[in-house]
C-alpha atoms as a PDB file:
ATOM      1  CA  UNK A   1     102.954  84.586 106.102  1.00  0.00           C
ATOM      2  CA  UNK A   2     100.009  84.181 108.467  1.00  0.00           C
ATOM      3  CA  UNK A   3      98.462  86.140 111.326  1.00  0.00           C
ATOM      4  CA  UNK A   4      95.702  83.718 112.267  1.00  0.00           C
ATOM      5  CA  UNK A   5      93.828  80.610 111.247  1.00  0.00           C
ATOM      6  CA  UNK A   6      90.316  80.232 109.834  1.00  0.00           C
ATOM      7  CA  UNK A   7      87.670  82.143 111.788  1.00  0.00           C
ATOM      8  CA  UNK A   8      85.552  79.025 112.126  1.00  0.00           C
ATOM      9  CA  UNK A   9      85.285  76.654 115.064  1.00  0.00           C
ATOM     10  CA  UNK A  10      86.499  77.531 118.543  1.00  0.00           C
ATOM     11  CA  UNK A  11      90.271  76.932 118.512  1.00  0.00           C
ATOM     12  CA  UNK A  12      92.955  79.512 119.358  1.00  0.00           C
ATOM     13  CA  UNK A  13      96.751  79.156 119.547  1.00  0.00           C
ATOM     14  CA  UNK A  14      98.699  80.273 122.601  1.00  0.00           C
ATOM     15  CA  UNK A  15     102.262  80.950 121.442  1.00  0.00           C
ATOM     16  CA  UNK A  16     105.175  81.777 123.722  1.00  0.00           C
ATOM     17  CA  UNK A  17     108.354  83.449 122.464  1.00  0.00           C
ATOM     18  CA  UNK A  18     111.623  82.451 124.141  1.00  0.00           C
ATOM     19  CA  UNK A  19     113.912  85.392 123.398  1.00  0.00           C
ATOM     20  CA  UNK A  20     117.638  85.411 124.161  1.00  0.00           C
ATOM     21  CA  UNK A  21     120.011  88.167 123.126  1.00  0.00           C
ATOM     22  CA  UNK A  22     123.667  88.672 123.977  1.00  0.00           C
ATOM     23  CA  UNK A  23     122.577  91.442 126.351  1.00  0.00           C
ATOM     24  CA  UNK A  24     120.156  89.089 128.102  1.00  0.00           C
ATOM     25  CA  UNK A  25     122.850  86.444 128.413  1.00  0.00           C
ATOM     26  CA  UNK A  26     125.159  89.023 129.991  1.00  0.00           C
ATOM     27  CA  UNK A  27     122.396  89.920 132.468  1.00  0.00           C
ATOM     28  CA  UNK A  28     122.215  86.280 133.500  1.00  0.00           C
ATOM     29  CA  UNK A  29     125.947  85.801 133.809  1.00  0.00           C
ATOM     30  CA  UNK A  30     126.396  88.992 135.818  1.00  0.00           C
ATOM     31  CA  UNK A  31     123.644  87.986 138.209  1.00  0.00           C
ATOM     32  CA  UNK A  32     121.540  91.037 137.343  1.00  0.00           C
ATOM     33  CA  UNK A  33     118.581  88.754 136.575  1.00  0.00           C
ATOM     34  CA  UNK A  34     117.704  85.288 137.794  1.00  0.00           C
ATOM     35  CA  UNK A  35     115.975  83.644 134.860  1.00  0.00           C
ATOM     36  CA  UNK A  36     114.630  84.048 131.350  1.00  0.00           C
ATOM     37  CA  UNK A  37     112.714  80.763 131.589  1.00  0.00           C
ATOM     38  CA  UNK A  38     109.366  81.122 133.329  1.00  0.00           C
ATOM     39  CA  UNK A  39     108.779  77.627 134.638  1.00  0.00           C
ATOM     40  CA  UNK A  40     105.519  78.659 136.322  1.00  0.00           C
ATOM     41  CA  UNK A  41     104.057  79.023 132.825  1.00  0.00           C
ATOM     42  CA  UNK A  42     105.235  75.545 131.848  1.00  0.00           C
ATOM     43  CA  UNK A  43     103.965  74.111 135.151  1.00  0.00           C
ATOM     44  CA  UNK A  44     100.496  75.577 134.600  1.00  0.00           C
ATOM     45  CA  UNK A  45     100.249  74.452 130.980  1.00  0.00           C
ATOM     46  CA  UNK A  46     101.303  70.941 131.968  1.00  0.00           C
ATOM     47  CA  UNK A  47      99.004  70.800 134.991  1.00  0.00           C
ATOM     48  CA  UNK A  48      95.976  71.950 132.997  1.00  0.00           C
ATOM     49  CA  UNK A  49      96.885  69.926 129.879  1.00  0.00           C
ATOM     50  CA  UNK A  50      96.887  73.093 127.749  1.00  0.00           C
ATOM     51  CA  UNK A  51      98.432  72.885 124.248  1.00  0.00           C
ATOM     52  CA  UNK A  52     100.923  75.623 123.347  1.00  0.00           C
ATOM     53  CA  UNK A  53     103.546  76.469 120.752  1.00  0.00           C
ATOM     54  CA  UNK A  54     106.983  77.768 121.757  1.00  0.00           C
ATOM     55  CA  UNK A  55     109.028  79.956 119.403  1.00  0.00           C
ATOM     56  CA  UNK A  56     112.593  79.278 120.525  1.00  0.00           C
ATOM     57  CA  UNK A  57     115.754  81.240 119.852  1.00  0.00           C
ATOM     58  CA  UNK A  58     118.836  79.104 119.455  1.00  0.00           C
ATOM     59  CA  UNK A  59     120.614  80.944 122.259  1.00  0.00           C
ATOM     60  CA  UNK A  60     117.693  80.281 124.624  1.00  0.00           C
ATOM     61  CA  UNK A  61     117.867  76.570 123.820  1.00  0.00           C
ATOM     62  CA  UNK A  62     121.610  76.609 124.508  1.00  0.00           C
ATOM     63  CA  UNK A  63     120.988  78.408 127.815  1.00  0.00           C
ATOM     64  CA  UNK A  64     118.115  76.143 128.877  1.00  0.00           C
ATOM     65  CA  UNK A  65     118.650  72.646 127.455  1.00  0.00           C
ATOM     66  CA  UNK A  66     116.748  70.995 130.339  1.00  0.00           C
ATOM     67  CA  UNK A  67     113.712  73.194 129.817  1.00  0.00           C
ATOM     68  CA  UNK A  68     113.851  72.602 126.061  1.00  0.00           C
ATOM     69  CA  UNK A  69     113.929  68.866 126.724  1.00  0.00           C
ATOM     70  CA  UNK A  70     110.871  69.245 128.927  1.00  0.00           C
ATOM     71  CA  UNK A  71     108.986  71.185 126.256  1.00  0.00           C
ATOM     72  CA  UNK A  72     109.906  68.676 123.565  1.00  0.00           C
ATOM     73  CA  UNK A  73     108.738  65.782 125.737  1.00  0.00           C
ATOM     74  CA  UNK A  74     105.193  67.130 126.015  1.00  0.00           C
ATOM     75  CA  UNK A  75     102.997  65.910 123.137  1.00  0.00           C
ATOM     76  CA  UNK A  76     100.744  68.966 123.579  1.00  0.00           C
ATOM     77  CA  UNK A  77     103.604  71.395 122.882  1.00  0.00           C
ATOM     78  CA  UNK A  78     104.940  72.351 119.470  1.00  0.00           C
ATOM     79  CA  UNK A  79     108.397  73.847 118.892  1.00  0.00           C
ATOM     80  CA  UNK A  80     109.028  76.638 116.395  1.00  0.00           C
ATOM     81  CA  UNK A  81     111.878  78.956 115.353  1.00  0.00           C
ATOM     82  CA  UNK A  82     112.491  82.507 116.652  1.00  0.00           C
ATOM     83  CA  UNK A  83     116.010  83.053 115.184  1.00  0.00           C
ATOM     84  CA  UNK A  84     119.344  82.328 116.838  1.00  0.00           C
ATOM     85  CA  UNK A  85     120.094  85.506 118.820  1.00  0.00           C
ATOM     86  CA  UNK A  86     116.928  87.608 118.486  1.00  0.00           C
ATOM     87  CA  UNK A  87     118.537  90.165 116.193  1.00  0.00           C
ATOM     88  CA  UNK A  88     116.407  92.468 114.055  1.00  0.00           C
ATOM     89  CA  UNK A  89     115.703  91.558 110.435  1.00  0.00           C
ATOM     90  CA  UNK A  90     114.817  95.175 109.573  1.00  0.00           C
ATOM     91  CA  UNK A  91     115.970  98.619 110.623  1.00  0.00           C
ATOM     92  CA  UNK A  92     114.274 100.295 113.584  1.00  0.00           C
ATOM     93  CA  UNK A  93     112.946  97.195 115.330  1.00  0.00           C
ATOM     94  CA  UNK A  94     112.543  98.043 119.024  1.00  0.00           C
ATOM     95  CA  UNK A  95     116.194  98.979 119.320  1.00  0.00           C
ATOM     96  CA  UNK A  96     117.438  95.473 118.491  1.00  0.00           C
ATOM     97  CA  UNK A  97     120.824  95.231 116.735  1.00  0.00           C
ATOM     98  CA  UNK A  98     120.349  94.428 113.061  1.00  0.00           C
ATOM     99  CA  UNK A  99     121.327  91.158 111.430  1.00  0.00           C
ATOM    100  CA  UNK A 100     122.965  91.636 108.007  1.00  0.00           C
ATOM    101  CA  UNK A 101     120.787  90.325 105.213  1.00  0.00           C
ATOM    102  CA  UNK A 102     123.486  87.945 103.984  1.00  0.00           C
ATOM    103  CA  UNK A 103     123.376  86.160 107.384  1.00  0.00           C
ATOM    104  CA  UNK A 104     119.606  85.794 107.714  1.00  0.00           C
ATOM    105  CA  UNK A 105     119.165  82.410 106.049  1.00  0.00           C
ATOM    106  CA  UNK A 106     122.030  80.827 107.998  1.00  0.00           C
ATOM    107  CA  UNK A 107     120.817  82.301 111.299  1.00  0.00           C
ATOM    108  CA  UNK A 108     117.402  80.664 111.013  1.00  0.00           C
ATOM    109  CA  UNK A 109     118.806  77.401 109.634  1.00  0.00           C
ATOM    110  CA  UNK A 110     121.221  77.245 112.579  1.00  0.00           C
ATOM    111  CA  UNK A 111     118.316  77.409 115.027  1.00  0.00           C
ATOM    112  CA  UNK A 112     116.510  74.520 113.328  1.00  0.00           C
ATOM    113  CA  UNK A 113     119.750  72.528 113.648  1.00  0.00           C
ATOM    114  CA  UNK A 114     120.053  73.371 117.368  1.00  0.00           C
ATOM    115  CA  UNK A 115     116.459  72.383 118.124  1.00  0.00           C
ATOM    116  CA  UNK A 116     116.422  69.231 115.967  1.00  0.00           C
ATOM    117  CA  UNK A 117     118.141  66.825 118.433  1.00  0.00           C
ATOM    118  CA  UNK A 118     115.483  67.489 121.084  1.00  0.00           C
ATOM    119  CA  UNK A 119     112.770  65.719 119.083  1.00  0.00           C
ATOM    120  CA  UNK A 120     109.147  66.284 120.003  1.00  0.00           C
ATOM    121  CA  UNK A 121     106.655  68.109 117.797  1.00  0.00           C
ATOM    122  CA  UNK A 122     108.950  70.301 115.731  1.00  0.00           C
ATOM    123  CA  UNK A 123     107.536  72.555 113.040  1.00  0.00           C
ATOM    124  CA  UNK A 124     108.703  74.828 110.225  1.00  0.00           C
ATOM    125  CA  UNK A 125     106.955  77.797 111.809  1.00  0.00           C
ATOM    126  CA  UNK A 126     109.058  80.932 112.216  1.00  0.00           C
ATOM    127  CA  UNK A 127     108.497  84.258 113.957  1.00  0.00           C
ATOM    128  CA  UNK A 128     110.591  87.372 113.423  1.00  0.00           C
ATOM    129  CA  UNK A 129     111.859  89.245 116.500  1.00  0.00           C
ATOM    130  CA  UNK A 130     109.505  92.110 117.208  1.00  0.00           C
ATOM    131  CA  UNK A 131     107.378  90.848 114.292  1.00  0.00           C
ATOM    132  CA  UNK A 132     109.619  93.103 112.160  1.00  0.00           C
ATOM    133  CA  UNK A 133     110.053  91.990 108.560  1.00  0.00           C
ATOM    134  CA  UNK A 134     110.166  93.319 105.021  1.00  0.00           C
ATOM    135  CA  UNK A 135     110.356  91.807 101.561  1.00  0.00           C
ATOM    136  CA  UNK A 136     114.141  91.317 101.764  1.00  0.00           C
ATOM    137  CA  UNK A 137     113.823  89.393 105.030  1.00  0.00           C
ATOM    138  CA  UNK A 138     111.032  87.214 103.662  1.00  0.00           C
ATOM    139  CA  UNK A 139     113.052  86.518 100.509  1.00  0.00           C
ATOM    140  CA  UNK A 140     116.067  85.500 102.605  1.00  0.00           C
ATOM    141  CA  UNK A 141     114.017  82.824 104.356  1.00  0.00           C
ATOM    142  CA  UNK A 142     112.266  81.481 101.269  1.00  0.00           C
ATOM    143  CA  UNK A 143     114.866  78.692 100.718  1.00  0.00           C
ATOM    144  CA  UNK A 144     114.136  77.295 104.189  1.00  0.00           C
ATOM    145  CA  UNK A 145     110.480  76.559 103.499  1.00  0.00           C
ATOM    146  CA  UNK A 146     109.263  78.215 106.675  1.00  0.00           C
ATOM    147  CA  UNK A 147     105.788  79.506 107.412  1.00  0.00           C
ATOM    148  CA  UNK A 148     106.152  82.985 108.919  1.00  0.00           C
ATOM    149  CA  UNK A 149     103.712  83.415 111.792  1.00  0.00           C
ATOM    150  CA  UNK A 150     103.047  86.844 113.248  1.00  0.00           C
ATOM    151  CA  UNK A 151      99.879  86.786 115.344  1.00  0.00           C
ATOM    152  CA  UNK A 152      96.663  88.776 115.509  1.00  0.00           C
ATOM    153  CA  UNK A 153      96.587  89.156 119.315  1.00  0.00           C
ATOM    154  CA  UNK A 154      99.704  90.786 120.793  1.00  0.00           C
ATOM    155  CA  UNK A 155      99.537  90.566 124.574  1.00  0.00           C
ATOM    156  CA  UNK A 156     102.088  93.274 125.370  1.00  0.00           C
ATOM    157  CA  UNK A 157     103.478  91.146 128.177  1.00  0.00           C
ATOM    158  CA  UNK A 158     107.150  92.191 127.884  1.00  0.00           C
ATOM    159  CA  UNK A 159     107.876  94.678 130.650  1.00  0.00           C
ATOM    160  CA  UNK A 160     104.237  94.763 131.822  1.00  0.00           C
ATOM    161  CA  UNK A 161     104.052  95.781 135.482  1.00  0.00           C
ATOM    162  CA  UNK A 162     100.632  94.219 136.114  1.00  0.00           C
ATOM    163  CA  UNK A 163      98.882  91.124 134.831  1.00  0.00           C
ATOM    164  CA  UNK A 164      95.601  92.915 134.166  1.00  0.00           C
ATOM    165  CA  UNK A 165      96.552  94.768 130.938  1.00  0.00           C
ATOM    166  CA  UNK A 166      97.912  91.510 129.500  1.00  0.00           C
ATOM    167  CA  UNK A 167      94.650  89.712 130.169  1.00  0.00           C
ATOM    168  CA  UNK A 168      92.631  92.627 128.777  1.00  0.00           C
ATOM    169  CA  UNK A 169      94.737  92.806 125.596  1.00  0.00           C
ATOM    170  CA  UNK A 170      94.279  89.097 124.945  1.00  0.00           C
ATOM    171  CA  UNK A 171      90.591  88.766 125.792  1.00  0.00           C
ATOM    172  CA  UNK A 172      89.606  91.982 123.993  1.00  0.00           C
ATOM    173  CA  UNK A 173      91.222  90.799 120.755  1.00  0.00           C
ATOM    174  CA  UNK A 174      90.821  87.042 120.715  1.00  0.00           C
ATOM    175  CA  UNK A 175      88.519  85.351 118.200  1.00  0.00           C
ATOM    176  CA  UNK A 176      88.244  81.861 116.724  1.00  0.00           C
ATOM    177  CA  UNK A 177      91.474  81.138 114.838  1.00  0.00           C
ATOM    178  CA  UNK A 178      93.505  83.725 116.778  1.00  0.00           C
ATOM    179  CA  UNK A 179      97.242  83.398 117.321  1.00  0.00           C
ATOM    180  CA  UNK A 180      98.124  84.947 120.690  1.00  0.00           C
ATOM    181  CA  UNK A 181     101.679  86.251 121.195  1.00  0.00           C
ATOM    182  CA  UNK A 182     103.027  85.803 124.739  1.00  0.00           C
ATOM    183  CA  UNK A 183     106.507  85.361 126.231  1.00  0.00           C
ATOM    184  CA  UNK A 184     108.099  82.736 128.463  1.00  0.00           C
ATOM    185  CA  UNK A 185     111.099  84.985 129.270  1.00  0.00           C
ATOM    186  CA  UNK A 186     110.540  85.533 132.983  1.00  0.00           C
ATOM    187  CA  UNK A 187     112.803  88.506 133.748  1.00  0.00           C
ATOM    188  CA  UNK A 188     111.519  90.681 130.905  1.00  0.00           C
ATOM    189  CA  UNK A 189     107.943  89.395 130.920  1.00  0.00           C
ATOM    190  CA  UNK A 190     107.442  88.928 134.661  1.00  0.00           C
ATOM    191  CA  UNK A 191     103.647  89.065 134.770  1.00  0.00           C
ATOM    192  CA  UNK A 192     102.804  86.456 132.129  1.00  0.00           C
ATOM    193  CA  UNK A 193     102.463  83.580 134.582  1.00  0.00           C
ATOM    194  CA  UNK A 194     100.059  85.632 136.707  1.00  0.00           C
ATOM    195  CA  UNK A 195      98.025  86.591 133.648  1.00  0.00           C
ATOM    196  CA  UNK A 196      97.803  83.089 132.205  1.00  0.00           C
ATOM    197  CA  UNK A 197      95.162  81.590 134.561  1.00  0.00           C
ATOM    198  CA  UNK A 198      92.908  84.592 133.894  1.00  0.00           C
ATOM    199  CA  UNK A 199      93.469  84.258 130.143  1.00  0.00           C
ATOM    200  CA  UNK A 200      92.564  80.563 130.246  1.00  0.00           C
ATOM    201  CA  UNK A 201      89.441  81.288 132.303  1.00  0.00           C
ATOM    202  CA  UNK A 202      88.416  84.070 129.914  1.00  0.00           C
ATOM    203  CA  UNK A 203      88.880  81.844 126.887  1.00  0.00           C
ATOM    204  CA  UNK A 204      86.726  79.159 128.489  1.00  0.00           C
ATOM    205  CA  UNK A 205      84.001  81.719 129.238  1.00  0.00           C
ATOM    206  CA  UNK A 206      84.005  82.665 125.550  1.00  0.00           C
ATOM    207  CA  UNK A 207      83.812  79.041 124.466  1.00  0.00           C
ATOM    208  CA  UNK A 208      87.335  79.184 123.018  1.00  0.00           C
ATOM    209  CA  UNK A 209      89.795  76.333 123.386  1.00  0.00           C
ATOM    210  CA  UNK A 210      93.611  76.425 123.143  1.00  0.00           C
ATOM    211  CA  UNK A 211      95.043  74.137 120.477  1.00  0.00           C
ATOM    212  CA  UNK A 212      98.463  73.569 118.857  1.00  0.00           C
ATOM    213  CA  UNK A 213      99.335  76.185 116.262  1.00  0.00           C
ATOM    214  CA  UNK A 214      99.322  73.611 113.464  1.00  0.00           C
ATOM    215  CA  UNK A 215      95.733  72.700 114.329  1.00  0.00           C
ATOM    216  CA  UNK A 216      94.595  76.330 114.497  1.00  0.00           C
ATOM    217  CA  UNK A 217      96.204  77.091 111.140  1.00  0.00           C
ATOM    218  CA  UNK A 218      94.673  73.975 109.624  1.00  0.00           C
ATOM    219  CA  UNK A 219      98.004  72.349 108.773  1.00  0.00           C
ATOM    220  CA  UNK A 220      98.167  68.544 108.976  1.00  0.00           C
END
C-alpha cells in the first residue's frame, strides 16, 4: 500500500477517479444529471500533453466505452482499478453501501477483465472507494497482486462549489513524489476542470512536473 513516491526529484502524479454507482447510473438514466465524464479535463490534459492516471470503476467503463477508448489510446495516460460499482470495502465509508467481504476479490478482478480489452497502459494499481480499507479488505485483494494506492494530497473536489479550495488543497499539500487525488466525474465533481489549469500553473511555479503514477512510484 502506498501514499506517495520517493520525495526526490520533481515528479508528481495526477490521478483521476472515475466513480460509478447504481445511484449515479439511475441519475443518468432519469435525466437528473447530464454526465459523469468530464471531457473538459481530458481535453486539457491532451492539449497540454499532461500525463495522468485514471482509476476506473467497471460500471463507468461500461457507461463510457468511447471515453475509455480515448484514455487508453493516449500513451501519456495510465489506467488503474477503482472497483466495479464503487461499493465500500469497510463499514462507515461516506455512506456507500458495503460490499460483502466474500465478493471483494471477484469485484476487483471483474474490473480488470472489463478494462483489459481497451489496451493502452494498464496497471495493477488499485484504489479503494473513499480510500476506506482495513486488514480484511487488503487480505481479500492479496491474490490479485495489486498495489493499493491511496494518495497524500486529497483535493476535496467532489461536491466542491468553487474551484479555489480545490487548487488550495492541492498546492498547499503537494511535494515531490505526491499522488494527487482528483475526480473526472463531472456531475459530482463539477469544479475540477476549472481548477485544473490553476493546479498545473501552480505545479510549474513550484518546479513540479506531472508524470505517470508508475514513474512517480518508481515502478518500471
